[in-house]
């Protein structure tokens, strides 16, 4: 939080500044403007009455709609914005007892991507299927992780290709997550992955999948956006694969809206980074995101 600022007689501790000065400083630093009369009176009054601390005031500003609107990611931080959107997607996944994560190893943590990125629900078991380290692209190599107990439940690894789920029985999982992984195998192998995911899901279980949108990524550059990608799909192509595998599409979303780029045919880094979040127009977003359900019958 804010601690010191320049006063007329030298540095002044934020915690010791008179209430009105503290409010003015917080507005300038957090919201980038002088306080409006209503905000100044409200915060000054609550600080003076002791019903609000200075740190609580700053936290209120950080979670305000105004701060959210002005804190858009610049274009050079597109990767950070995409990561934040994927965290939002993961936090919105359904609760599940048994989870299979396809390609979900996390280079720096044995807990795996799903837990590290904020999946909120306790589970009985999370199995991460990932390639042995020496079979991965150099960008993704790490030590193989041992089983680990996380705050949500136990995590263990099955080091193999996600095209081979033969060791997993029919209907064993409530939720399968494929986060930025389906594009790492050729299209014919992706069909096998989806067929196997369908098999090992219980009826009513959900496959959650996110992947780059080729329609937008090809505006960004001619080559794939990751050197380990084998393919990048458009929304019609990806939804057709999911339906062909037997899934019923429960949600078709996109992450990081790029509608102006799609309309103009010119990719805007600023637009893609600024529009963090989950949108109802997958074809116009940087990433595609689906919840696909295995029907009961």
Foldseek 3Di string as FASTA:
>chain_A
DQFWDADPVGIDGLQPDQQLVNQQVLCCVQLNDGDDPVSSVVRNVCVVVVVAGSVRVSVCSCPDPSSLQPPFDALVCLVVLQLLQVLVVLCPDDDWAEEEEEAFADQPDPVTDSVVSPNDAAYAEYEYEEAQQVPDDPVRHHHQDAWDADPRYIYHYDHDHLLDPVVAAFQQIQEYEYEAHLQLDAPVSSLSSLLVVLGRHHAFGKYKYKHFACLQVVLVDVDDPDPRGPDGHHQVVVVVSNVVSQWDWPAKKAAQFQQVCNVVSHHDSRSSRRRGYIGRPRRRHGMIITITGRHPD
